[in-house]
Full PDB file with SEQRES, HELIX, SHEET, SSBOND, CRYST1, ORIGX, SCALE, CONECT and MASTER records, all heavy atoms in Angstrom:
SEQRES   1 A   35  ALA ARG VAL PRO GLY ARG VAL GLU LEU VAL GLY ASP ASP          
SEQRES   2 A   35  PRO TRP GLY TRP LYS ALA ARG TRP ASP GLN ALA SER ASP          
SEQRES   3 A   35  GLY TRP ARG ALA ALA LEU GLU GLY VAL                          
HELIX    1 AA1 PRO A   14  GLY A   16  5                                   3    
SHEET    1 AA1 2 ASP A  22  ALA A  24  0                                        
SHEET    2 AA1 2 GLY A  27  ARG A  29 -1                                        
CRYST1    1.000    1.000    1.000  90.00  90.00  90.00 P 1           1          
ORIGX1      1.000000  0.000000  0.000000        0.00000                         
ORIGX2      0.000000  1.000000  0.000000        0.00000                         
ORIGX3      0.000000  0.000000  1.000000        0.00000                         
SCALE1      1.000000  0.000000  0.000000        0.00000                         
SCALE2      0.000000  1.000000  0.000000        0.00000                         
SCALE3      0.000000  0.000000  1.000000        0.00000                         
ATOM      1  N   ALA A   1      17.411   4.775  -5.499  1.00  0.00           N  
ATOM      2  CA  ALA A   1      17.991   6.111  -5.370  1.00  0.00           C  
ATOM      3  C   ALA A   1      19.504   6.023  -5.458  1.00  0.00           C  
ATOM      4  O   ALA A   1      20.113   5.058  -4.969  1.00  0.00           O  
ATOM      5  CB  ALA A   1      17.566   6.742  -4.051  1.00  0.00           C  
ATOM      6  N   ARG A   2      20.109   7.035  -6.047  1.00  0.00           N  
ATOM      7  CA  ARG A   2      21.563   7.080  -6.194  1.00  0.00           C  
ATOM      8  C   ARG A   2      22.193   8.086  -5.236  1.00  0.00           C  
ATOM      9  O   ARG A   2      23.359   8.446  -5.388  1.00  0.00           O  
ATOM     10  CB  ARG A   2      21.921   7.443  -7.634  1.00  0.00           C  
ATOM     11  CG  ARG A   2      21.465   6.392  -8.646  1.00  0.00           C  
ATOM     12  CD  ARG A   2      21.629   6.902 -10.076  1.00  0.00           C  
ATOM     13  NE  ARG A   2      21.284   5.874 -11.054  1.00  0.00           N  
ATOM     14  CZ  ARG A   2      21.166   6.098 -12.356  1.00  0.00           C  
ATOM     15  NH1 ARG A   2      21.350   7.327 -12.837  1.00  0.00           N  
ATOM     16  NH2 ARG A   2      20.858   5.113 -13.184  1.00  0.00           N  
ATOM     17  N   VAL A   3      21.417   8.548  -4.278  1.00  0.00           N  
ATOM     18  CA  VAL A   3      21.906   9.465  -3.245  1.00  0.00           C  
ATOM     19  C   VAL A   3      21.419   8.949  -1.897  1.00  0.00           C  
ATOM     20  O   VAL A   3      20.464   8.168  -1.828  1.00  0.00           O  
ATOM     21  CB  VAL A   3      21.395  10.900  -3.487  1.00  0.00           C  
ATOM     22  CG1 VAL A   3      21.956  11.471  -4.782  1.00  0.00           C  
ATOM     23  CG2 VAL A   3      19.872  10.939  -3.504  1.00  0.00           C  
ATOM     24  N   PRO A   4      22.057   9.367  -0.806  1.00  0.00           N  
ATOM     25  CA  PRO A   4      21.634   8.891   0.520  1.00  0.00           C  
ATOM     26  C   PRO A   4      20.197   9.291   0.827  1.00  0.00           C  
ATOM     27  O   PRO A   4      19.730  10.361   0.435  1.00  0.00           O  
ATOM     28  CB  PRO A   4      22.626   9.573   1.468  1.00  0.00           C  
ATOM     29  CG  PRO A   4      23.813   9.873   0.630  1.00  0.00           C  
ATOM     30  CD  PRO A   4      23.280  10.191  -0.732  1.00  0.00           C  
ATOM     31  N   GLY A   5      19.514   8.426   1.531  1.00  0.00           N  
ATOM     32  CA  GLY A   5      18.134   8.676   1.925  1.00  0.00           C  
ATOM     33  C   GLY A   5      17.378   7.367   2.009  1.00  0.00           C  
ATOM     34  O   GLY A   5      17.944   6.284   1.797  1.00  0.00           O  
ATOM     35  N   ARG A   6      16.089   7.457   2.314  1.00  0.00           N  
ATOM     36  CA  ARG A   6      15.266   6.254   2.460  1.00  0.00           C  
ATOM     37  C   ARG A   6      14.137   6.276   1.437  1.00  0.00           C  
ATOM     38  O   ARG A   6      13.373   7.238   1.347  1.00  0.00           O  
ATOM     39  CB  ARG A   6      14.684   6.174   3.867  1.00  0.00           C  
ATOM     40  CG  ARG A   6      13.933   4.846   4.130  1.00  0.00           C  
ATOM     41  CD  ARG A   6      13.479   4.713   5.564  1.00  0.00           C  
ATOM     42  NE  ARG A   6      12.365   5.579   5.890  1.00  0.00           N  
ATOM     43  CZ  ARG A   6      12.448   6.686   6.615  1.00  0.00           C  
ATOM     44  NH1 ARG A   6      13.631   7.072   7.103  1.00  0.00           N  
ATOM     45  NH2 ARG A   6      11.387   7.434   6.866  1.00  0.00           N  
ATOM     46  N   VAL A   7      14.056   5.210   0.669  1.00  0.00           N  
ATOM     47  CA  VAL A   7      12.980   5.035  -0.305  1.00  0.00           C  
ATOM     48  C   VAL A   7      11.985   4.038   0.264  1.00  0.00           C  
ATOM     49  O   VAL A   7      12.372   2.952   0.706  1.00  0.00           O  
ATOM     50  CB  VAL A   7      13.524   4.509  -1.647  1.00  0.00           C  
ATOM     51  CG1 VAL A   7      12.382   4.349  -2.648  1.00  0.00           C  
ATOM     52  CG2 VAL A   7      14.584   5.440  -2.203  1.00  0.00           C  
ATOM     53  N   GLU A   8      10.713   4.396   0.271  1.00  0.00           N  
ATOM     54  CA  GLU A   8       9.711   3.459   0.782  1.00  0.00           C  
ATOM     55  C   GLU A   8       8.424   3.577  -0.021  1.00  0.00           C  
ATOM     56  O   GLU A   8       8.140   4.600  -0.641  1.00  0.00           O  
ATOM     57  CB  GLU A   8       9.436   3.706   2.262  1.00  0.00           C  
ATOM     58  CG  GLU A   8       8.974   5.096   2.602  1.00  0.00           C  
ATOM     59  CD  GLU A   8       8.843   5.293   4.102  1.00  0.00           C  
ATOM     60  OE1 GLU A   8       8.459   4.329   4.798  1.00  0.00           O  
ATOM     61  OE2 GLU A   8       9.128   6.393   4.572  1.00  0.00           O  
ATOM     62  N   LEU A   9       7.671   2.498  -0.002  1.00  0.00           N  
ATOM     63  CA  LEU A   9       6.369   2.457  -0.653  1.00  0.00           C  
ATOM     64  C   LEU A   9       5.277   2.573   0.391  1.00  0.00           C  
ATOM     65  O   LEU A   9       5.332   1.908   1.436  1.00  0.00           O  
ATOM     66  CB  LEU A   9       6.208   1.166  -1.448  1.00  0.00           C  
ATOM     67  CG  LEU A   9       7.025   1.102  -2.739  1.00  0.00           C  
ATOM     68  CD1 LEU A   9       7.154  -0.333  -3.223  1.00  0.00           C  
ATOM     69  CD2 LEU A   9       6.383   1.977  -3.813  1.00  0.00           C  
ATOM     70  N   VAL A  10       4.297   3.418   0.098  1.00  0.00           N  
ATOM     71  CA  VAL A  10       3.203   3.678   1.024  1.00  0.00           C  
ATOM     72  C   VAL A  10       1.899   3.265   0.351  1.00  0.00           C  
ATOM     73  O   VAL A  10       1.647   3.604  -0.815  1.00  0.00           O  
ATOM     74  CB  VAL A  10       3.149   5.174   1.397  1.00  0.00           C  
ATOM     75  CG1 VAL A  10       1.936   5.473   2.258  1.00  0.00           C  
ATOM     76  CG2 VAL A  10       4.425   5.594   2.100  1.00  0.00           C  
ATOM     77  N   GLY A  11       1.078   2.527   1.051  1.00  0.00           N  
ATOM     78  CA  GLY A  11      -0.231   2.164   0.528  1.00  0.00           C  
ATOM     79  C   GLY A  11      -1.246   3.244   0.839  1.00  0.00           C  
ATOM     80  O   GLY A  11      -1.189   3.874   1.893  1.00  0.00           O  
ATOM     81  N   ASP A  12      -2.174   3.497  -0.096  1.00  0.00           N  
ATOM     82  CA  ASP A  12      -3.175   4.532   0.161  1.00  0.00           C  
ATOM     83  C   ASP A  12      -4.443   4.270  -0.642  1.00  0.00           C  
ATOM     84  O   ASP A  12      -4.574   3.237  -1.312  1.00  0.00           O  
ATOM     85  CB  ASP A  12      -2.611   5.927  -0.129  1.00  0.00           C  
ATOM     86  CG  ASP A  12      -2.325   6.155  -1.613  1.00  0.00           C  
ATOM     87  OD1 ASP A  12      -2.484   5.203  -2.400  1.00  0.00           O  
ATOM     88  OD2 ASP A  12      -1.953   7.276  -1.979  1.00  0.00           O  
ATOM     89  N   ASP A  13      -5.379   5.213  -0.554  1.00  0.00           N  
ATOM     90  CA  ASP A  13      -6.698   5.088  -1.174  1.00  0.00           C  
ATOM     91  C   ASP A  13      -6.934   6.276  -2.108  1.00  0.00           C  
ATOM     92  O   ASP A  13      -7.500   7.285  -1.699  1.00  0.00           O  
ATOM     93  CB  ASP A  13      -7.792   5.023  -0.110  1.00  0.00           C  
ATOM     94  CG  ASP A  13      -7.703   6.190   0.866  1.00  0.00           C  
ATOM     95  OD1 ASP A  13      -6.594   6.714   1.079  1.00  0.00           O  
ATOM     96  OD2 ASP A  13      -8.750   6.603   1.406  1.00  0.00           O  
ATOM     97  N   PRO A  14      -6.477   6.200  -3.354  1.00  0.00           N  
ATOM     98  CA  PRO A  14      -6.682   7.321  -4.279  1.00  0.00           C  
ATOM     99  C   PRO A  14      -8.153   7.687  -4.408  1.00  0.00           C  
ATOM    100  O   PRO A  14      -9.023   6.818  -4.375  1.00  0.00           O  
ATOM    101  CB  PRO A  14      -6.121   6.795  -5.600  1.00  0.00           C  
ATOM    102  CG  PRO A  14      -6.080   5.310  -5.464  1.00  0.00           C  
ATOM    103  CD  PRO A  14      -5.859   5.036  -4.010  1.00  0.00           C  
ATOM    104  N   TRP A  15      -8.413   9.015  -4.531  1.00  0.00           N  
ATOM    105  CA  TRP A  15      -9.770   9.561  -4.645  1.00  0.00           C  
ATOM    106  C   TRP A  15     -10.674   9.169  -3.471  1.00  0.00           C  
ATOM    107  O   TRP A  15     -11.907   9.198  -3.582  1.00  0.00           O  
ATOM    108  CB  TRP A  15     -10.434   9.113  -5.953  1.00  0.00           C  
ATOM    109  CG  TRP A  15      -9.688   9.522  -7.180  1.00  0.00           C  
ATOM    110  CD1 TRP A  15      -9.525  10.788  -7.649  1.00  0.00           C  
ATOM    111  CD2 TRP A  15      -8.997   8.659  -8.088  1.00  0.00           C  
ATOM    112  NE1 TRP A  15      -8.779  10.766  -8.805  1.00  0.00           N  
ATOM    113  CE2 TRP A  15      -8.439   9.470  -9.099  1.00  0.00           C  
ATOM    114  CE3 TRP A  15      -8.804   7.285  -8.168  1.00  0.00           C  
ATOM    115  CZ2 TRP A  15      -7.699   8.952 -10.161  1.00  0.00           C  
ATOM    116  CZ3 TRP A  15      -8.059   6.774  -9.209  1.00  0.00           C  
ATOM    117  CH2 TRP A  15      -7.523   7.598 -10.197  1.00  0.00           C  
ATOM    118  N   GLY A  16     -10.071   8.768  -2.339  1.00  0.00           N  
ATOM    119  CA  GLY A  16     -10.874   8.404  -1.181  1.00  0.00           C  
ATOM    120  C   GLY A  16     -11.613   7.094  -1.318  1.00  0.00           C  
ATOM    121  O   GLY A  16     -12.629   6.848  -0.646  1.00  0.00           O  
ATOM    122  N   TRP A  17     -11.121   6.207  -2.201  1.00  0.00           N  
ATOM    123  CA  TRP A  17     -11.758   4.896  -2.330  1.00  0.00           C  
ATOM    124  C   TRP A  17     -11.762   4.167  -0.993  1.00  0.00           C  
ATOM    125  O   TRP A  17     -10.876   4.359  -0.144  1.00  0.00           O  
ATOM    126  CB  TRP A  17     -11.025   4.065  -3.381  1.00  0.00           C  
ATOM    127  CG  TRP A  17     -11.381   4.434  -4.792  1.00  0.00           C  
ATOM    128  CD1 TRP A  17     -12.457   5.181  -5.197  1.00  0.00           C  
ATOM    129  CD2 TRP A  17     -10.671   4.077  -5.979  1.00  0.00           C  
ATOM    130  NE1 TRP A  17     -12.456   5.293  -6.571  1.00  0.00           N  
ATOM    131  CE2 TRP A  17     -11.378   4.628  -7.069  1.00  0.00           C  
ATOM    132  CE3 TRP A  17      -9.523   3.338  -6.221  1.00  0.00           C  
ATOM    133  CZ2 TRP A  17     -10.967   4.467  -8.391  1.00  0.00           C  
ATOM    134  CZ3 TRP A  17      -9.108   3.169  -7.541  1.00  0.00           C  
ATOM    135  CH2 TRP A  17      -9.826   3.728  -8.615  1.00  0.00           C  
ATOM    136  N   LYS A  18     -12.733   3.275  -0.832  1.00  0.00           N  
ATOM    137  CA  LYS A  18     -12.956   2.669   0.479  1.00  0.00           C  
ATOM    138  C   LYS A  18     -11.999   1.529   0.816  1.00  0.00           C  
ATOM    139  O   LYS A  18     -11.815   1.194   1.996  1.00  0.00           O  
ATOM    140  CB  LYS A  18     -14.396   2.157   0.590  1.00  0.00           C  
ATOM    141  CG  LYS A  18     -14.729   1.040  -0.402  1.00  0.00           C  
ATOM    142  CD  LYS A  18     -16.190   0.614  -0.281  1.00  0.00           C  
ATOM    143  CE  LYS A  18     -16.529  -0.512  -1.248  1.00  0.00           C  
ATOM    144  NZ  LYS A  18     -17.943  -0.934  -1.133  1.00  0.00           N  
ATOM    145  N   ALA A  19     -11.400   0.901  -0.182  1.00  0.00           N  
ATOM    146  CA  ALA A  19     -10.510  -0.234   0.089  1.00  0.00           C  
ATOM    147  C   ALA A  19      -9.267   0.222   0.863  1.00  0.00           C  
ATOM    148  O   ALA A  19      -8.764   1.327   0.666  1.00  0.00           O  
ATOM    149  CB  ALA A  19     -10.103  -0.915  -1.206  1.00  0.00           C  
ATOM    150  N   ARG A  20      -8.776  -0.619   1.748  1.00  0.00           N  
ATOM    151  CA  ARG A  20      -7.581  -0.333   2.532  1.00  0.00           C  
ATOM    152  C   ARG A  20      -6.663  -1.556   2.523  1.00  0.00           C  
ATOM    153  O   ARG A  20      -7.125  -2.702   2.477  1.00  0.00           O  
ATOM    154  CB  ARG A  20      -7.936  -0.004   3.985  1.00  0.00           C  
ATOM    155  CG  ARG A  20      -8.814   1.215   4.180  1.00  0.00           C  
ATOM    156  CD  ARG A  20      -8.086   2.509   3.844  1.00  0.00           C  
ATOM    157  NE  ARG A  20      -8.898   3.674   4.142  1.00  0.00           N  
ATOM    158  CZ  ARG A  20      -9.801   4.199   3.318  1.00  0.00           C  
ATOM    159  NH1 ARG A  20      -9.994   3.647   2.130  1.00  0.00           N  
ATOM    160  NH2 ARG A  20     -10.499   5.262   3.661  1.00  0.00           N  
ATOM    161  N   TRP A  21      -5.359  -1.295   2.546  1.00  0.00           N  
ATOM    162  CA  TRP A  21      -4.397  -2.387   2.665  1.00  0.00           C  
ATOM    163  C   TRP A  21      -4.394  -2.924   4.096  1.00  0.00           C  
ATOM    164  O   TRP A  21      -4.345  -2.152   5.053  1.00  0.00           O  
ATOM    165  CB  TRP A  21      -2.989  -1.905   2.337  1.00  0.00           C  
ATOM    166  CG  TRP A  21      -2.731  -1.586   0.895  1.00  0.00           C  
ATOM    167  CD1 TRP A  21      -2.609  -0.351   0.340  1.00  0.00           C  
ATOM    168  CD2 TRP A  21      -2.525  -2.531  -0.166  1.00  0.00           C  
ATOM    169  NE1 TRP A  21      -2.351  -0.444  -1.006  1.00  0.00           N  
ATOM    170  CE2 TRP A  21      -2.292  -1.777  -1.344  1.00  0.00           C  
ATOM    171  CE3 TRP A  21      -2.517  -3.922  -0.244  1.00  0.00           C  
ATOM    172  CZ2 TRP A  21      -2.049  -2.372  -2.576  1.00  0.00           C  
ATOM    173  CZ3 TRP A  21      -2.285  -4.509  -1.482  1.00  0.00           C  
ATOM    174  CH2 TRP A  21      -2.050  -3.753  -2.623  1.00  0.00           C  
ATOM    175  N   ASP A  22      -4.428  -4.226   4.222  1.00  0.00           N  
ATOM    176  CA  ASP A  22      -4.192  -4.896   5.500  1.00  0.00           C  
ATOM    177  C   ASP A  22      -2.701  -5.230   5.536  1.00  0.00           C  
ATOM    178  O   ASP A  22      -2.247  -6.165   4.873  1.00  0.00           O  
ATOM    179  CB  ASP A  22      -5.039  -6.160   5.590  1.00  0.00           C  
ATOM    180  CG  ASP A  22      -4.784  -6.950   6.879  1.00  0.00           C  
ATOM    181  OD1 ASP A  22      -4.162  -6.380   7.799  1.00  0.00           O  
ATOM    182  OD2 ASP A  22      -5.187  -8.120   6.938  1.00  0.00           O  
ATOM    183  N   GLN A  23      -1.939  -4.439   6.276  1.00  0.00           N  
ATOM    184  CA  GLN A  23      -0.486  -4.528   6.231  1.00  0.00           C  
ATOM    185  C   GLN A  23       0.022  -5.437   7.353  1.00  0.00           C  
ATOM    186  O   GLN A  23      -0.181  -5.161   8.532  1.00  0.00           O  
ATOM    187  CB  GLN A  23       0.142  -3.141   6.355  1.00  0.00           C  
ATOM    188  CG  GLN A  23      -0.314  -2.197   5.244  1.00  0.00           C  
ATOM    189  CD  GLN A  23       0.357  -0.836   5.313  1.00  0.00           C  
ATOM    190  OE1 GLN A  23       1.374  -0.670   5.981  1.00  0.00           O  
ATOM    191  NE2 GLN A  23      -0.206   0.150   4.626  1.00  0.00           N  
ATOM    192  N   ALA A  24       0.643  -6.525   6.952  1.00  0.00           N  
ATOM    193  CA  ALA A  24       1.215  -7.486   7.902  1.00  0.00           C  
ATOM    194  C   ALA A  24       2.676  -7.712   7.546  1.00  0.00           C  
ATOM    195  O   ALA A  24       3.153  -7.320   6.482  1.00  0.00           O  
ATOM    196  CB  ALA A  24       0.437  -8.800   7.850  1.00  0.00           C  
ATOM    197  N   SER A  25       3.394  -8.386   8.426  1.00  0.00           N  
ATOM    198  CA  SER A  25       4.829  -8.588   8.204  1.00  0.00           C  
ATOM    199  C   SER A  25       5.106  -9.471   6.992  1.00  0.00           C  
ATOM    200  O   SER A  25       6.163  -9.360   6.362  1.00  0.00           O  
ATOM    201  CB  SER A  25       5.466  -9.216   9.450  1.00  0.00           C  
ATOM    202  OG  SER A  25       4.821 -10.457   9.753  1.00  0.00           O  
ATOM    203  N   ASP A  26       4.164 -10.330   6.641  1.00  0.00           N  
ATOM    204  CA  ASP A  26       4.403 -11.229   5.511  1.00  0.00           C  
ATOM    205  C   ASP A  26       3.895 -10.665   4.190  1.00  0.00           C  
ATOM    206  O   ASP A  26       3.983 -11.326   3.155  1.00  0.00           O  
ATOM    207  CB  ASP A  26       3.746 -12.590   5.780  1.00  0.00           C  
ATOM    208  CG  ASP A  26       2.239 -12.474   5.966  1.00  0.00           C  
ATOM    209  OD1 ASP A  26       1.746 -11.354   6.186  1.00  0.00           O  
ATOM    210  OD2 ASP A  26       1.565 -13.516   5.899  1.00  0.00           O  
ATOM    211  N   GLY A  27       3.327  -9.436   4.201  1.00  0.00           N  
ATOM    212  CA  GLY A  27       2.844  -8.821   2.972  1.00  0.00           C  
ATOM    213  C   GLY A  27       1.564  -8.043   3.207  1.00  0.00           C  
ATOM    214  O   GLY A  27       1.005  -8.044   4.311  1.00  0.00           O  
ATOM    215  N   TRP A  28       1.123  -7.384   2.171  1.00  0.00           N  
ATOM    216  CA  TRP A  28      -0.110  -6.591   2.255  1.00  0.00           C  
ATOM    217  C   TRP A  28      -1.209  -7.274   1.453  1.00  0.00           C  
ATOM    218  O   TRP A  28      -0.970  -7.872   0.410  1.00  0.00           O  
ATOM    219  CB  TRP A  28       0.104  -5.206   1.655  1.00  0.00           C  
ATOM    220  CG  TRP A  28       1.099  -4.345   2.378  1.00  0.00           C  
ATOM    221  CD1 TRP A  28       1.831  -4.664   3.490  1.00  0.00           C  
ATOM    222  CD2 TRP A  28       1.475  -3.018   2.007  1.00  0.00           C  
ATOM    223  NE1 TRP A  28       2.632  -3.622   3.836  1.00  0.00           N  
ATOM    224  CE2 TRP A  28       2.440  -2.586   2.948  1.00  0.00           C  
ATOM    225  CE3 TRP A  28       1.114  -2.151   0.991  1.00  0.00           C  
ATOM    226  CZ2 TRP A  28       3.026  -1.330   2.888  1.00  0.00           C  
ATOM    227  CZ3 TRP A  28       1.678  -0.903   0.922  1.00  0.00           C  
ATOM    228  CH2 TRP A  28       2.625  -0.492   1.856  1.00  0.00           C  
ATOM    229  N   ARG A  29      -2.435  -7.135   1.952  1.00  0.00           N  
ATOM    230  CA  ARG A  29      -3.592  -7.684   1.250  1.00  0.00           C  
ATOM    231  C   ARG A  29      -4.717  -6.660   1.274  1.00  0.00           C  
ATOM    232  O   ARG A  29      -4.832  -5.859   2.205  1.00  0.00           O  
ATOM    233  CB  ARG A  29      -4.074  -8.985   1.899  1.00  0.00           C  
ATOM    234  CG  ARG A  29      -3.109 -10.136   1.761  1.00  0.00           C  
ATOM    235  CD  ARG A  29      -3.707 -11.435   2.300  1.00  0.00           C  
ATOM    236  NE  ARG A  29      -3.957 -11.372   3.734  1.00  0.00           N  
ATOM    237  CZ  ARG A  29      -3.060 -11.658   4.673  1.00  0.00           C  
ATOM    238  NH1 ARG A  29      -1.834 -12.033   4.309  1.00  0.00           N  
ATOM    239  NH2 ARG A  29      -3.357 -11.596   5.946  1.00  0.00           N  
ATOM    240  N   ALA A  30      -5.571  -6.720   0.249  1.00  0.00           N  
ATOM    241  CA  ALA A  30      -6.754  -5.861   0.209  1.00  0.00           C  
ATOM    242  C   ALA A  30      -7.843  -6.579  -0.569  1.00  0.00           C  
ATOM    243  O   ALA A  30      -7.569  -7.395  -1.463  1.00  0.00           O  
ATOM    244  CB  ALA A  30      -6.436  -4.521  -0.434  1.00  0.00           C  
ATOM    245  N   ALA A  31      -9.077  -6.286  -0.209  1.00  0.00           N  
ATOM    246  CA  ALA A  31     -10.226  -6.889  -0.878  1.00  0.00           C  
ATOM    247  C   ALA A  31     -10.924  -5.836  -1.729  1.00  0.00           C  
ATOM    248  O   ALA A  31     -11.416  -4.834  -1.207  1.00  0.00           O  
ATOM    249  CB  ALA A  31     -11.192  -7.469   0.152  1.00  0.00           C  
ATOM    250  N   LEU A  32     -10.935  -6.064  -3.053  1.00  0.00           N  
ATOM    251  CA  LEU A  32     -11.690  -5.226  -3.964  1.00  0.00           C  
ATOM    252  C   LEU A  32     -12.937  -5.984  -4.394  1.00  0.00           C  
ATOM    253  O   LEU A  32     -13.141  -7.131  -4.000  1.00  0.00           O  
ATOM    254  CB  LEU A  32     -10.821  -4.855  -5.177  1.00  0.00           C  
ATOM    255  CG  LEU A  32      -9.453  -4.240  -4.864  1.00  0.00           C  
ATOM    256  CD1 LEU A  32      -8.709  -3.923  -6.152  1.00  0.00           C  
ATOM    257  CD2 LEU A  32      -9.598  -2.994  -4.003  1.00  0.00           C  
ATOM    258  N   GLU A  33     -13.778  -5.348  -5.204  1.00  0.00           N  
ATOM    259  CA  GLU A  33     -15.010  -6.001  -5.635  1.00  0.00           C  
ATOM    260  C   GLU A  33     -14.680  -7.183  -6.531  1.00  0.00           C  
ATOM    261  O   GLU A  33     -14.274  -7.020  -7.680  1.00  0.00           O  
ATOM    262  CB  GLU A  33     -15.887  -4.997  -6.391  1.00  0.00           C  
ATOM    263  CG  GLU A  33     -17.285  -5.498  -6.694  1.00  0.00           C  
ATOM    264  CD  GLU A  33     -18.133  -5.652  -5.443  1.00  0.00           C  
ATOM    265  OE1 GLU A  33     -17.951  -4.861  -4.499  1.00  0.00           O  
ATOM    266  OE2 GLU A  33     -18.969  -6.578  -5.430  1.00  0.00           O  
ATOM    267  N   GLY A  34     -14.814  -8.393  -5.993  1.00  0.00           N  
ATOM    268  CA  GLY A  34     -14.575  -9.595  -6.765  1.00  0.00           C  
ATOM    269  C   GLY A  34     -13.116  -9.938  -6.979  1.00  0.00           C  
ATOM    270  O   GLY A  34     -12.801 -10.870  -7.721  1.00  0.00           O  
ATOM    271  N   VAL A  35     -12.209  -9.193  -6.351  1.00  0.00           N  
ATOM    272  CA  VAL A  35     -10.780  -9.392  -6.578  1.00  0.00           C  
ATOM    273  C   VAL A  35     -10.030  -9.331  -5.260  1.00  0.00           C  
ATOM    274  O   VAL A  35     -10.289  -8.464  -4.426  1.00  0.00           O  
ATOM    275  CB  VAL A  35     -10.207  -8.324  -7.539  1.00  0.00           C  
ATOM    276  CG1 VAL A  35      -8.711  -8.506  -7.740  1.00  0.00           C  
ATOM    277  CG2 VAL A  35     -10.922  -8.369  -8.879  1.00  0.00           C  
TER     278      VAL A  35                                                      
MASTER        0    0    0    1    2    0    0    6  277    1    0    3          
END                                                                             
């Protein structure tokens, strides 16, 4: 951003998919089918 404010990334579940981010201080992880 080129103006004052806070930019952040938010993890979510588009279309209500069941996978969720496991958010920890060292990074985020999630388990998908086979991935």
